[in-house]
């Protein structure tokens, strides 16, 4: 009899223990879900600040989906310190980098466009100028600064630009600092000035840079033997290092903090919900990434009644790079690339 009673008591205790364990498990799940929802809401709120939905490229019949379709992103670096100064003063794209990504082949091709490249500006009656003036023309003609920059790049490379991401000086520096800096391999010794006019020195070899140093590192060009092309290489190096930091355990843990810190100094056109897919895609394609150099040469041409130094890209070079990008994103253009005297050394504006 005592054994029966004891057995019943043990069963009751086990049931109570299982109930307590289930309640504890349920509470834990609720805490995790609740915390996750809090951070998700916080993250979405931070990301929504810079969201700028431009819709699909007019070169596309339908909007591409980042998760499955090949696509392009134009990375724009503004030459202004903050979003406030961008509104007060006309900003210029100091960095223009096209990334063509194919999730099907897990590959990416990068093309940097030198800021002084001589191009035909979109939404103008055939006006030709440096490509970094495209934002100013967009503000002037009502097309919009970012939109006009995108359309100028589209016309120049003859490929659709599906999305863009733009950051100014402060947004870039804050992102680098929040992620703990970036590691680079400085190719040669040089001294330059930061955005405040203060002198900075860079010694050759591996270096760990904070936000202020990284900005000065990617902006210097006059002391680089390769000029704009050398600067473009350093820009790509820092962007890759920054993305590596973002994908690290530390970086993922600070992702929400990064988006909050960058705030209004960062804008983009893809959906906030696409960020995880973008990071996951980059993680897959980073080992199959190729940089395509856009070959240009320096030449003085008349502009506004004075001689200005431009970087000239020939039509044949444009076609070469365009074909590479078109194949990468599996894009077939409806029309042939428009030829322009902006891309020849003997054009009516040339002074060779």
C-alpha atoms as a PDB file:
ATOM      1  CA  UNK A   1       0.000   0.000   0.000  1.00  0.00           C
ATOM      2  CA  UNK A   2       2.778   2.371   0.928  1.00  0.00           C
ATOM      3  CA  UNK A   3       4.518   1.557  -2.356  1.00  0.00           C
ATOM      4  CA  UNK A   4       1.367   2.425  -4.306  1.00  0.00           C
ATOM      5  CA  UNK A   5       0.991   5.749  -2.495  1.00  0.00           C
ATOM      6  CA  UNK A   6       4.675   6.540  -2.997  1.00  0.00           C
ATOM      7  CA  UNK A   7       4.410   5.673  -6.694  1.00  0.00           C
ATOM      8  CA  UNK A   8       1.419   7.995  -7.072  1.00  0.00           C
ATOM      9  CA  UNK A   9       3.277  10.799  -5.299  1.00  0.00           C
ATOM     10  CA  UNK A  10       6.250  10.370  -7.622  1.00  0.00           C
ATOM     11  CA  UNK A  11       3.970  10.536 -10.690  1.00  0.00           C
ATOM     12  CA  UNK A  12       2.348  13.716  -9.336  1.00  0.00           C
ATOM     13  CA  UNK A  13       5.777  15.253  -8.710  1.00  0.00           C
ATOM     14  CA  UNK A  14       6.900  14.359 -12.246  1.00  0.00           C
ATOM     15  CA  UNK A  15       3.744  15.917 -13.730  1.00  0.00           C
ATOM     16  CA  UNK A  16       4.281  19.085 -11.680  1.00  0.00           C
ATOM     17  CA  UNK A  17       7.941  19.191 -12.731  1.00  0.00           C
ATOM     18  CA  UNK A  18       7.004  18.756 -16.398  1.00  0.00           C
ATOM     19  CA  UNK A  19       4.403  21.530 -16.096  1.00  0.00           C
ATOM     20  CA  UNK A  20       6.941  23.853 -14.452  1.00  0.00           C
ATOM     21  CA  UNK A  21       9.504  22.956 -17.125  1.00  0.00           C
ATOM     22  CA  UNK A  22       6.977  23.635 -19.897  1.00  0.00           C
ATOM     23  CA  UNK A  23       6.027  26.979 -18.323  1.00  0.00           C
ATOM     24  CA  UNK A  24       9.696  27.917 -18.027  1.00  0.00           C
ATOM     25  CA  UNK A  25      10.270  26.935 -21.661  1.00  0.00           C
ATOM     26  CA  UNK A  26       7.208  28.921 -22.767  1.00  0.00           C
ATOM     27  CA  UNK A  27       8.376  31.946 -20.785  1.00  0.00           C
ATOM     28  CA  UNK A  28      11.836  31.691 -22.335  1.00  0.00           C
ATOM     29  CA  UNK A  29      10.340  31.511 -25.831  1.00  0.00           C
ATOM     30  CA  UNK A  30       8.126  34.511 -25.132  1.00  0.00           C
ATOM     31  CA  UNK A  31      11.109  36.501 -23.839  1.00  0.00           C
ATOM     32  CA  UNK A  32      13.203  35.589 -26.887  1.00  0.00           C
ATOM     33  CA  UNK A  33      10.378  36.361 -29.312  1.00  0.00           C
ATOM     34  CA  UNK A  34       9.540  39.558 -27.482  1.00  0.00           C
ATOM     35  CA  UNK A  35      13.156  40.687 -27.410  1.00  0.00           C
ATOM     36  CA  UNK A  36      13.595  39.690 -31.040  1.00  0.00           C
ATOM     37  CA  UNK A  37      10.476  41.608 -31.992  1.00  0.00           C
ATOM     38  CA  UNK A  38      11.760  44.625 -30.080  1.00  0.00           C
ATOM     39  CA  UNK A  39      15.104  44.583 -31.869  1.00  0.00           C
ATOM     40  CA  UNK A  40      13.428  43.792 -35.190  1.00  0.00           C
ATOM     41  CA  UNK A  41      11.156  46.806 -34.735  1.00  0.00           C
ATOM     42  CA  UNK A  42      14.136  48.895 -33.663  1.00  0.00           C
ATOM     43  CA  UNK A  43      16.167  47.743 -36.659  1.00  0.00           C
ATOM     44  CA  UNK A  44      13.300  48.286 -39.116  1.00  0.00           C
ATOM     45  CA  UNK A  45      12.732  51.754 -37.689  1.00  0.00           C
ATOM     46  CA  UNK A  46      16.402  52.649 -38.103  1.00  0.00           C
ATOM     47  CA  UNK A  47      16.543  51.295 -41.651  1.00  0.00           C
ATOM     48  CA  UNK A  48      13.311  53.016 -42.676  1.00  0.00           C
ATOM     49  CA  UNK A  49      14.895  56.445 -42.123  1.00  0.00           C
ATOM     50  CA  UNK A  50      17.001  56.181 -45.242  1.00  0.00           C
ATOM     51  CA  UNK A  51      14.638  54.209 -47.460  1.00  0.00           C
ATOM     52  CA  UNK A  52      14.058  55.894 -50.819  1.00  0.00           C
ATOM     53  CA  UNK A  53      11.863  53.830 -53.127  1.00  0.00           C
ATOM     54  CA  UNK A  54      12.673  54.915 -56.677  1.00  0.00           C
ATOM     55  CA  UNK A  55      10.765  52.021 -58.228  1.00  0.00           C
ATOM     56  CA  UNK A  56      12.109  49.826 -61.014  1.00  0.00           C
ATOM     57  CA  UNK A  57      14.661  51.019 -63.532  1.00  0.00           C
ATOM     58  CA  UNK A  58      13.023  52.268 -66.731  1.00  0.00           C
ATOM     59  CA  UNK A  59      15.315  49.829 -68.509  1.00  0.00           C
ATOM     60  CA  UNK A  60      13.506  46.906 -66.855  1.00  0.00           C
ATOM     61  CA  UNK A  61      10.109  45.457 -67.687  1.00  0.00           C
ATOM     62  CA  UNK A  62       9.656  44.290 -64.085  1.00  0.00           C
ATOM     63  CA  UNK A  63      11.348  44.920 -60.745  1.00  0.00           C
ATOM     64  CA  UNK A  64      14.104  42.387 -60.046  1.00  0.00           C
ATOM     65  CA  UNK A  65      14.091  40.392 -56.805  1.00  0.00           C
ATOM     66  CA  UNK A  66      17.340  40.395 -54.842  1.00  0.00           C
ATOM     67  CA  UNK A  67      16.846  36.847 -53.542  1.00  0.00           C
ATOM     68  CA  UNK A  68      16.758  35.187 -56.972  1.00  0.00           C
ATOM     69  CA  UNK A  69      17.400  37.591 -59.881  1.00  0.00           C
ATOM     70  CA  UNK A  70      20.711  39.027 -61.128  1.00  0.00           C
ATOM     71  CA  UNK A  71      20.804  42.741 -60.259  1.00  0.00           C
ATOM     72  CA  UNK A  72      22.967  45.850 -60.034  1.00  0.00           C
ATOM     73  CA  UNK A  73      23.589  48.281 -57.190  1.00  0.00           C
ATOM     74  CA  UNK A  74      25.155  51.702 -57.609  1.00  0.00           C
ATOM     75  CA  UNK A  75      27.176  52.664 -54.528  1.00  0.00           C
ATOM     76  CA  UNK A  76      27.409  56.442 -54.199  1.00  0.00           C
ATOM     77  CA  UNK A  77      29.738  58.322 -51.871  1.00  0.00           C
ATOM     78  CA  UNK A  78      28.652  61.935 -51.358  1.00  0.00           C
ATOM     79  CA  UNK A  79      31.299  64.652 -50.913  1.00  0.00           C
ATOM     80  CA  UNK A  80      29.288  66.395 -48.161  1.00  0.00           C
ATOM     81  CA  UNK A  81      29.718  65.861 -44.414  1.00  0.00           C
ATOM     82  CA  UNK A  82      26.082  65.372 -43.323  1.00  0.00           C
ATOM     83  CA  UNK A  83      22.558  65.187 -44.710  1.00  0.00           C
ATOM     84  CA  UNK A  84      22.014  68.790 -43.535  1.00  0.00           C
ATOM     85  CA  UNK A  85      24.927  70.110 -45.602  1.00  0.00           C
ATOM     86  CA  UNK A  86      23.696  68.057 -48.568  1.00  0.00           C
ATOM     87  CA  UNK A  87      20.372  69.901 -48.377  1.00  0.00           C
ATOM     88  CA  UNK A  88      21.992  73.329 -48.031  1.00  0.00           C
ATOM     89  CA  UNK A  89      24.706  72.818 -50.633  1.00  0.00           C
ATOM     90  CA  UNK A  90      24.809  70.890 -53.876  1.00  0.00           C
ATOM     91  CA  UNK A  91      26.540  67.560 -53.277  1.00  0.00           C
ATOM     92  CA  UNK A  92      28.630  65.619 -55.769  1.00  0.00           C
ATOM     93  CA  UNK A  93      29.162  61.864 -56.047  1.00  0.00           C
ATOM     94  CA  UNK A  94      32.768  61.443 -54.902  1.00  0.00           C
ATOM     95  CA  UNK A  95      32.516  57.656 -55.317  1.00  0.00           C
ATOM     96  CA  UNK A  96      30.602  55.785 -58.042  1.00  0.00           C
ATOM     97  CA  UNK A  97      30.877  52.012 -57.873  1.00  0.00           C
ATOM     98  CA  UNK A  98      28.624  49.634 -59.827  1.00  0.00           C
ATOM     99  CA  UNK A  99      28.229  46.127 -58.396  1.00  0.00           C
ATOM    100  CA  UNK A 100      26.680  43.545 -60.746  1.00  0.00           C
ATOM    101  CA  UNK A 101      25.577  40.531 -58.695  1.00  0.00           C
ATOM    102  CA  UNK A 102      24.292  37.182 -59.943  1.00  0.00           C
ATOM    103  CA  UNK A 103      22.805  34.953 -57.182  1.00  0.00           C
ATOM    104  CA  UNK A 104      22.493  32.100 -59.711  1.00  0.00           C
ATOM    105  CA  UNK A 105      26.252  31.895 -60.310  1.00  0.00           C
ATOM    106  CA  UNK A 106      27.255  33.305 -56.910  1.00  0.00           C
ATOM    107  CA  UNK A 107      29.447  35.892 -58.602  1.00  0.00           C
ATOM    108  CA  UNK A 108      29.943  39.650 -58.588  1.00  0.00           C
ATOM    109  CA  UNK A 109      31.660  42.108 -60.902  1.00  0.00           C
ATOM    110  CA  UNK A 110      32.669  45.605 -59.781  1.00  0.00           C
ATOM    111  CA  UNK A 111      33.252  48.685 -61.913  1.00  0.00           C
ATOM    112  CA  UNK A 112      34.418  52.013 -60.483  1.00  0.00           C
ATOM    113  CA  UNK A 113      33.757  55.136 -62.526  1.00  0.00           C
ATOM    114  CA  UNK A 114      36.338  57.914 -62.024  1.00  0.00           C
ATOM    115  CA  UNK A 115      34.664  61.073 -60.731  1.00  0.00           C
ATOM    116  CA  UNK A 116      36.155  63.216 -63.541  1.00  0.00           C
ATOM    117  CA  UNK A 117      34.876  60.962 -66.345  1.00  0.00           C
ATOM    118  CA  UNK A 118      33.554  63.044 -69.253  1.00  0.00           C
ATOM    119  CA  UNK A 119      29.963  61.987 -69.974  1.00  0.00           C
ATOM    120  CA  UNK A 120      26.695  63.149 -71.450  1.00  0.00           C
ATOM    121  CA  UNK A 121      24.491  64.164 -68.515  1.00  0.00           C
ATOM    122  CA  UNK A 122      21.015  62.620 -68.344  1.00  0.00           C
ATOM    123  CA  UNK A 123      17.907  64.805 -68.650  1.00  0.00           C
ATOM    124  CA  UNK A 124      19.786  67.610 -70.419  1.00  0.00           C
ATOM    125  CA  UNK A 125      19.839  68.630 -74.103  1.00  0.00           C
ATOM    126  CA  UNK A 126      23.052  66.678 -74.677  1.00  0.00           C
ATOM    127  CA  UNK A 127      25.136  68.615 -72.150  1.00  0.00           C
ATOM    128  CA  UNK A 128      28.539  67.084 -71.379  1.00  0.00           C
ATOM    129  CA  UNK A 129      30.443  67.397 -68.107  1.00  0.00           C
ATOM    130  CA  UNK A 130      32.184  65.419 -65.373  1.00  0.00           C
ATOM    131  CA  UNK A 131      30.032  62.565 -64.126  1.00  0.00           C
ATOM    132  CA  UNK A 132      30.255  63.892 -60.569  1.00  0.00           C
ATOM    133  CA  UNK A 133      28.240  66.932 -61.708  1.00  0.00           C
ATOM    134  CA  UNK A 134      25.226  64.729 -62.511  1.00  0.00           C
ATOM    135  CA  UNK A 135      23.621  65.286 -59.085  1.00  0.00           C
ATOM    136  CA  UNK A 136      23.871  69.071 -59.449  1.00  0.00           C
ATOM    137  CA  UNK A 137      22.214  68.947 -62.887  1.00  0.00           C
ATOM    138  CA  UNK A 138      19.458  66.758 -61.427  1.00  0.00           C
ATOM    139  CA  UNK A 139      18.718  69.350 -58.761  1.00  0.00           C
ATOM    140  CA  UNK A 140      18.811  72.121 -61.340  1.00  0.00           C
ATOM    141  CA  UNK A 141      16.536  70.464 -63.921  1.00  0.00           C
ATOM    142  CA  UNK A 142      14.097  68.936 -61.420  1.00  0.00           C
ATOM    143  CA  UNK A 143      14.936  65.304 -62.216  1.00  0.00           C
ATOM    144  CA  UNK A 144      16.342  64.764 -58.718  1.00  0.00           C
ATOM    145  CA  UNK A 145      19.982  64.488 -57.644  1.00  0.00           C
ATOM    146  CA  UNK A 146      20.149  60.723 -57.038  1.00  0.00           C
ATOM    147  CA  UNK A 147      17.847  59.839 -59.926  1.00  0.00           C
ATOM    148  CA  UNK A 148      19.838  61.954 -62.382  1.00  0.00           C
ATOM    149  CA  UNK A 149      23.077  60.354 -61.204  1.00  0.00           C
ATOM    150  CA  UNK A 150      21.596  56.877 -61.679  1.00  0.00           C
ATOM    151  CA  UNK A 151      20.287  57.659 -65.170  1.00  0.00           C
ATOM    152  CA  UNK A 152      23.618  59.184 -66.208  1.00  0.00           C
ATOM    153  CA  UNK A 153      25.418  56.007 -65.103  1.00  0.00           C
ATOM    154  CA  UNK A 154      22.807  53.839 -66.882  1.00  0.00           C
ATOM    155  CA  UNK A 155      23.286  55.725 -70.136  1.00  0.00           C
ATOM    156  CA  UNK A 156      27.063  55.660 -69.818  1.00  0.00           C
ATOM    157  CA  UNK A 157      27.395  51.906 -69.144  1.00  0.00           C
ATOM    158  CA  UNK A 158      24.245  50.863 -71.035  1.00  0.00           C
ATOM    159  CA  UNK A 159      22.972  48.638 -68.205  1.00  0.00           C
ATOM    160  CA  UNK A 160      20.028  49.071 -65.828  1.00  0.00           C
ATOM    161  CA  UNK A 161      20.792  50.292 -62.319  1.00  0.00           C
ATOM    162  CA  UNK A 162      18.297  48.392 -60.170  1.00  0.00           C
ATOM    163  CA  UNK A 163      19.170  49.784 -56.750  1.00  0.00           C
ATOM    164  CA  UNK A 164      21.393  52.345 -55.135  1.00  0.00           C
ATOM    165  CA  UNK A 165      22.971  52.981 -51.741  1.00  0.00           C
ATOM    166  CA  UNK A 166      24.373  56.412 -50.858  1.00  0.00           C
ATOM    167  CA  UNK A 167      26.414  57.527 -47.863  1.00  0.00           C
ATOM    168  CA  UNK A 168      28.050  60.844 -46.958  1.00  0.00           C
ATOM    169  CA  UNK A 169      31.249  61.513 -44.991  1.00  0.00           C
ATOM    170  CA  UNK A 170      29.677  61.281 -41.539  1.00  0.00           C
ATOM    171  CA  UNK A 171      27.696  58.147 -42.340  1.00  0.00           C
ATOM    172  CA  UNK A 172      30.838  56.434 -43.633  1.00  0.00           C
ATOM    173  CA  UNK A 173      32.994  57.444 -40.650  1.00  0.00           C
ATOM    174  CA  UNK A 174      30.326  56.463 -38.117  1.00  0.00           C
ATOM    175  CA  UNK A 175      29.836  53.043 -39.739  1.00  0.00           C
ATOM    176  CA  UNK A 176      33.588  52.321 -39.678  1.00  0.00           C
ATOM    177  CA  UNK A 177      33.959  53.459 -36.053  1.00  0.00           C
ATOM    178  CA  UNK A 178      30.928  51.507 -34.817  1.00  0.00           C
ATOM    179  CA  UNK A 179      32.299  48.325 -36.418  1.00  0.00           C
ATOM    180  CA  UNK A 180      35.664  48.848 -34.736  1.00  0.00           C
ATOM    181  CA  UNK A 181      37.621  50.125 -37.746  1.00  0.00           C
ATOM    182  CA  UNK A 182      38.864  48.439 -40.928  1.00  0.00           C
ATOM    183  CA  UNK A 183      42.094  46.676 -41.892  1.00  0.00           C
ATOM    184  CA  UNK A 184      43.839  47.732 -45.109  1.00  0.00           C
ATOM    185  CA  UNK A 185      47.186  47.244 -46.822  1.00  0.00           C
ATOM    186  CA  UNK A 186      48.568  50.707 -47.616  1.00  0.00           C
ATOM    187  CA  UNK A 187      50.422  50.433 -50.980  1.00  0.00           C
ATOM    188  CA  UNK A 188      52.884  53.311 -50.428  1.00  0.00           C
ATOM    189  CA  UNK A 189      53.670  56.143 -48.028  1.00  0.00           C
ATOM    190  CA  UNK A 190      51.631  59.304 -48.415  1.00  0.00           C
ATOM    191  CA  UNK A 191      50.401  62.240 -46.394  1.00  0.00           C
ATOM    192  CA  UNK A 192      47.044  63.884 -46.939  1.00  0.00           C
ATOM    193  CA  UNK A 193      44.434  65.964 -45.145  1.00  0.00           C
ATOM    194  CA  UNK A 194      41.239  64.801 -43.489  1.00  0.00           C
ATOM    195  CA  UNK A 195      37.864  66.461 -44.029  1.00  0.00           C
ATOM    196  CA  UNK A 196      38.790  69.090 -41.406  1.00  0.00           C
ATOM    197  CA  UNK A 197      42.035  70.047 -43.131  1.00  0.00           C
ATOM    198  CA  UNK A 198      44.243  68.263 -40.590  1.00  0.00           C
ATOM    199  CA  UNK A 199      47.331  66.374 -41.771  1.00  0.00           C
ATOM    200  CA  UNK A 200      47.357  62.562 -41.727  1.00  0.00           C
ATOM    201  CA  UNK A 201      50.210  60.205 -42.636  1.00  0.00           C
ATOM    202  CA  UNK A 202      49.917  56.658 -43.966  1.00  0.00           C
ATOM    203  CA  UNK A 203      52.834  54.227 -43.825  1.00  0.00           C
ATOM    204  CA  UNK A 204      53.053  51.308 -46.271  1.00  0.00           C
ATOM    205  CA  UNK A 205      51.905  47.883 -45.119  1.00  0.00           C
ATOM    206  CA  UNK A 206      49.003  46.525 -43.031  1.00  0.00           C
ATOM    207  CA  UNK A 207      47.187  49.261 -41.109  1.00  0.00           C
ATOM    208  CA  UNK A 208      44.083  49.427 -38.915  1.00  0.00           C
ATOM    209  CA  UNK A 209      42.077  52.572 -39.654  1.00  0.00           C
ATOM    210  CA  UNK A 210      39.324  54.378 -37.791  1.00  0.00           C
ATOM    211  CA  UNK A 211      36.520  56.219 -39.585  1.00  0.00           C
ATOM    212  CA  UNK A 212      38.376  59.507 -40.036  1.00  0.00           C
ATOM    213  CA  UNK A 213      41.502  57.751 -41.340  1.00  0.00           C
ATOM    214  CA  UNK A 214      39.509  55.456 -43.642  1.00  0.00           C
ATOM    215  CA  UNK A 215      37.739  58.440 -45.228  1.00  0.00           C
ATOM    216  CA  UNK A 216      41.043  60.214 -45.914  1.00  0.00           C
ATOM    217  CA  UNK A 217      42.501  56.944 -47.252  1.00  0.00           C
ATOM    218  CA  UNK A 218      39.752  56.429 -49.846  1.00  0.00           C
ATOM    219  CA  UNK A 219      39.615  60.088 -50.919  1.00  0.00           C
ATOM    220  CA  UNK A 220      43.292  60.748 -51.670  1.00  0.00           C
ATOM    221  CA  UNK A 221      44.154  60.649 -55.386  1.00  0.00           C
ATOM    222  CA  UNK A 222      46.634  63.401 -56.345  1.00  0.00           C
ATOM    223  CA  UNK A 223      49.565  61.604 -54.708  1.00  0.00           C
ATOM    224  CA  UNK A 224      48.646  58.228 -56.158  1.00  0.00           C
ATOM    225  CA  UNK A 225      50.766  57.241 -59.208  1.00  0.00           C
ATOM    226  CA  UNK A 226      47.614  55.659 -60.667  1.00  0.00           C
ATOM    227  CA  UNK A 227      45.511  58.759 -59.914  1.00  0.00           C
ATOM    228  CA  UNK A 228      41.768  57.940 -59.979  1.00  0.00           C
ATOM    229  CA  UNK A 229      42.355  54.267 -60.738  1.00  0.00           C
ATOM    230  CA  UNK A 230      44.540  53.917 -57.643  1.00  0.00           C
ATOM    231  CA  UNK A 231      41.904  55.670 -55.582  1.00  0.00           C
ATOM    232  CA  UNK A 232      39.218  53.365 -56.959  1.00  0.00           C
ATOM    233  CA  UNK A 233      41.253  50.337 -55.852  1.00  0.00           C
ATOM    234  CA  UNK A 234      41.525  51.728 -52.320  1.00  0.00           C
ATOM    235  CA  UNK A 235      37.800  52.458 -52.250  1.00  0.00           C
ATOM    236  CA  UNK A 236      36.987  48.875 -53.213  1.00  0.00           C
ATOM    237  CA  UNK A 237      39.472  47.578 -50.639  1.00  0.00           C
ATOM    238  CA  UNK A 238      37.814  49.540 -47.821  1.00  0.00           C
ATOM    239  CA  UNK A 239      34.268  48.634 -48.912  1.00  0.00           C
ATOM    240  CA  UNK A 240      35.233  44.935 -48.930  1.00  0.00           C
ATOM    241  CA  UNK A 241      36.875  45.289 -45.501  1.00  0.00           C
ATOM    242  CA  UNK A 242      33.788  47.075 -44.168  1.00  0.00           C
ATOM    243  CA  UNK A 243      31.478  44.326 -45.438  1.00  0.00           C
ATOM    244  CA  UNK A 244      33.742  41.684 -43.874  1.00  0.00           C
ATOM    245  CA  UNK A 245      33.415  43.487 -40.550  1.00  0.00           C
ATOM    246  CA  UNK A 246      29.659  43.641 -40.975  1.00  0.00           C
ATOM    247  CA  UNK A 247      29.461  39.886 -41.611  1.00  0.00           C
ATOM    248  CA  UNK A 248      31.615  38.993 -38.602  1.00  0.00           C
ATOM    249  CA  UNK A 249      29.991  37.859 -35.349  1.00  0.00           C
ATOM    250  CA  UNK A 250      30.805  41.241 -33.827  1.00  0.00           C
ATOM    251  CA  UNK A 251      29.439  43.074 -36.851  1.00  0.00           C
ATOM    252  CA  UNK A 252      26.146  41.181 -36.950  1.00  0.00           C
ATOM    253  CA  UNK A 253      25.700  41.881 -33.242  1.00  0.00           C
ATOM    254  CA  UNK A 254      26.188  45.593 -33.952  1.00  0.00           C
ATOM    255  CA  UNK A 255      24.083  45.734 -37.112  1.00  0.00           C
ATOM    256  CA  UNK A 256      21.207  47.564 -35.419  1.00  0.00           C
ATOM    257  CA  UNK A 257      23.651  49.973 -33.779  1.00  0.00           C
ATOM    258  CA  UNK A 258      25.295  50.700 -37.132  1.00  0.00           C
ATOM    259  CA  UNK A 259      21.974  51.509 -38.809  1.00  0.00           C
ATOM    260  CA  UNK A 260      20.983  53.773 -35.907  1.00  0.00           C
ATOM    261  CA  UNK A 261      24.306  55.633 -35.887  1.00  0.00           C
ATOM    262  CA  UNK A 262      24.378  56.128 -39.653  1.00  0.00           C
ATOM    263  CA  UNK A 263      20.740  57.288 -39.614  1.00  0.00           C
ATOM    264  CA  UNK A 264      19.869  60.002 -42.115  1.00  0.00           C
ATOM    265  CA  UNK A 265      23.395  60.013 -43.537  1.00  0.00           C
ATOM    266  CA  UNK A 266      22.638  56.815 -45.452  1.00  0.00           C
ATOM    267  CA  UNK A 267      19.945  56.317 -48.101  1.00  0.00           C
ATOM    268  CA  UNK A 268      19.057  53.356 -50.301  1.00  0.00           C
ATOM    269  CA  UNK A 269      16.323  52.142 -52.656  1.00  0.00           C
ATOM    270  CA  UNK A 270      15.957  48.424 -51.898  1.00  0.00           C
ATOM    271  CA  UNK A 271      13.490  47.217 -49.273  1.00  0.00           C
ATOM    272  CA  UNK A 272      14.606  47.268 -45.611  1.00  0.00           C
ATOM    273  CA  UNK A 273      13.607  43.588 -45.481  1.00  0.00           C
ATOM    274  CA  UNK A 274      16.173  42.872 -48.247  1.00  0.00           C
ATOM    275  CA  UNK A 275      19.177  43.688 -46.019  1.00  0.00           C
ATOM    276  CA  UNK A 276      19.585  40.114 -44.670  1.00  0.00           C
ATOM    277  CA  UNK A 277      19.363  38.728 -48.223  1.00  0.00           C
ATOM    278  CA  UNK A 278      21.955  41.235 -49.438  1.00  0.00           C
ATOM    279  CA  UNK A 279      24.404  40.305 -46.684  1.00  0.00           C
ATOM    280  CA  UNK A 280      23.809  36.588 -47.272  1.00  0.00           C
ATOM    281  CA  UNK A 281      24.313  37.031 -51.031  1.00  0.00           C
ATOM    282  CA  UNK A 282      27.529  38.990 -50.524  1.00  0.00           C
ATOM    283  CA  UNK A 283      28.823  36.258 -48.226  1.00  0.00           C
ATOM    284  CA  UNK A 284      28.322  33.770 -51.075  1.00  0.00           C
ATOM    285  CA  UNK A 285      29.768  35.870 -53.907  1.00  0.00           C
ATOM    286  CA  UNK A 286      32.758  37.480 -52.150  1.00  0.00           C
ATOM    287  CA  UNK A 287      35.070  34.608 -53.138  1.00  0.00           C
ATOM    288  CA  UNK A 288      33.994  34.962 -56.765  1.00  0.00           C
ATOM    289  CA  UNK A 289      34.373  38.716 -57.133  1.00  0.00           C
ATOM    290  CA  UNK A 290      36.075  40.363 -60.104  1.00  0.00           C
ATOM    291  CA  UNK A 291      37.058  43.997 -60.522  1.00  0.00           C
ATOM    292  CA  UNK A 292      36.703  45.348 -64.057  1.00  0.00           C
ATOM    293  CA  UNK A 293      38.908  48.372 -64.698  1.00  0.00           C
ATOM    294  CA  UNK A 294      37.332  51.080 -66.814  1.00  0.00           C
ATOM    295  CA  UNK A 295      40.231  52.362 -68.918  1.00  0.00           C
ATOM    296  CA  UNK A 296      40.339  56.133 -69.317  1.00  0.00           C
ATOM    297  CA  UNK A 297      42.944  58.741 -70.184  1.00  0.00           C
ATOM    298  CA  UNK A 298      43.336  62.374 -69.169  1.00  0.00           C
ATOM    299  CA  UNK A 299      42.587  65.175 -71.594  1.00  0.00           C
ATOM    300  CA  UNK A 300      41.790  68.881 -71.402  1.00  0.00           C
ATOM    301  CA  UNK A 301      38.546  70.020 -72.986  1.00  0.00           C
ATOM    302  CA  UNK A 302      36.621  73.250 -73.151  1.00  0.00           C
ATOM    303  CA  UNK A 303      33.838  73.564 -70.592  1.00  0.00           C
ATOM    304  CA  UNK A 304      32.061  76.764 -69.648  1.00  0.00           C
ATOM    305  CA  UNK A 305      34.575  78.845 -71.584  1.00  0.00           C
ATOM    306  CA  UNK A 306      37.639  77.384 -69.871  1.00  0.00           C
ATOM    307  CA  UNK A 307      39.919  74.379 -70.229  1.00  0.00           C
ATOM    308  CA  UNK A 308      39.090  71.592 -67.783  1.00  0.00           C
ATOM    309  CA  UNK A 309      40.877  68.301 -67.184  1.00  0.00           C
ATOM    310  CA  UNK A 310      38.631  65.274 -67.815  1.00  0.00           C
ATOM    311  CA  UNK A 311      39.010  61.509 -67.848  1.00  0.00           C
ATOM    312  CA  UNK A 312      37.997  60.248 -71.309  1.00  0.00           C
ATOM    313  CA  UNK A 313      36.522  56.803 -71.908  1.00  0.00           C
ATOM    314  CA  UNK A 314      36.281  55.680 -75.540  1.00  0.00           C
ATOM    315  CA  UNK A 315      33.134  54.173 -77.051  1.00  0.00           C
ATOM    316  CA  UNK A 316      34.952  50.882 -77.604  1.00  0.00           C
ATOM    317  CA  UNK A 317      35.926  50.736 -73.920  1.00  0.00           C
ATOM    318  CA  UNK A 318      32.375  51.536 -72.843  1.00  0.00           C
ATOM    319  CA  UNK A 319      31.087  48.715 -75.036  1.00  0.00           C
ATOM    320  CA  UNK A 320      33.649  46.276 -73.625  1.00  0.00           C
ATOM    321  CA  UNK A 321      32.693  46.980 -70.017  1.00  0.00           C
ATOM    322  CA  UNK A 322      28.993  47.161 -70.878  1.00  0.00           C
ATOM    323  CA  UNK A 323      29.025  43.689 -72.450  1.00  0.00           C
ATOM    324  CA  UNK A 324      30.712  42.231 -69.357  1.00  0.00           C
ATOM    325  CA  UNK A 325      28.061  43.730 -67.069  1.00  0.00           C
ATOM    326  CA  UNK A 326      25.174  42.749 -69.358  1.00  0.00           C
ATOM    327  CA  UNK A 327      26.352  39.135 -69.436  1.00  0.00           C
ATOM    328  CA  UNK A 328      26.834  39.156 -65.677  1.00  0.00           C
ATOM    329  CA  UNK A 329      23.220  40.146 -64.986  1.00  0.00           C
ATOM    330  CA  UNK A 330      21.814  38.248 -68.005  1.00  0.00           C
ATOM    331  CA  UNK A 331      20.476  41.440 -69.535  1.00  0.00           C
ATOM    332  CA  UNK A 332      19.705  41.898 -73.231  1.00  0.00           C
ATOM    333  CA  UNK A 333      19.289  45.580 -74.193  1.00  0.00           C
ATOM    334  CA  UNK A 334      16.520  46.548 -76.595  1.00  0.00           C
ATOM    335  CA  UNK A 335      18.710  49.116 -78.328  1.00  0.00           C
ATOM    336  CA  UNK A 336      22.386  49.455 -79.177  1.00  0.00           C
ATOM    337  CA  UNK A 337      24.566  51.713 -77.080  1.00  0.00           C
ATOM    338  CA  UNK A 338      24.234  55.353 -78.064  1.00  0.00           C
ATOM    339  CA  UNK A 339      27.486  56.770 -79.387  1.00  0.00           C
ATOM    340  CA  UNK A 340      28.456  60.293 -78.415  1.00  0.00           C
ATOM    341  CA  UNK A 341      31.325  62.666 -79.126  1.00  0.00           C
ATOM    342  CA  UNK A 342      31.703  62.823 -75.346  1.00  0.00           C
ATOM    343  CA  UNK A 343      33.474  59.474 -75.638  1.00  0.00           C
ATOM    344  CA  UNK A 344      35.914  60.281 -78.457  1.00  0.00           C
ATOM    345  CA  UNK A 345      39.139  62.263 -78.425  1.00  0.00           C
ATOM    346  CA  UNK A 346      38.166  64.139 -81.580  1.00  0.00           C
ATOM    347  CA  UNK A 347      34.674  65.300 -80.566  1.00  0.00           C
ATOM    348  CA  UNK A 348      33.510  68.863 -81.098  1.00  0.00           C
ATOM    349  CA  UNK A 349      34.338  69.636 -77.455  1.00  0.00           C
ATOM    350  CA  UNK A 350      37.754  67.999 -77.620  1.00  0.00           C
ATOM    351  CA  UNK A 351      40.995  69.976 -77.428  1.00  0.00           C
ATOM    352  CA  UNK A 352      43.483  67.213 -78.060  1.00  0.00           C
END
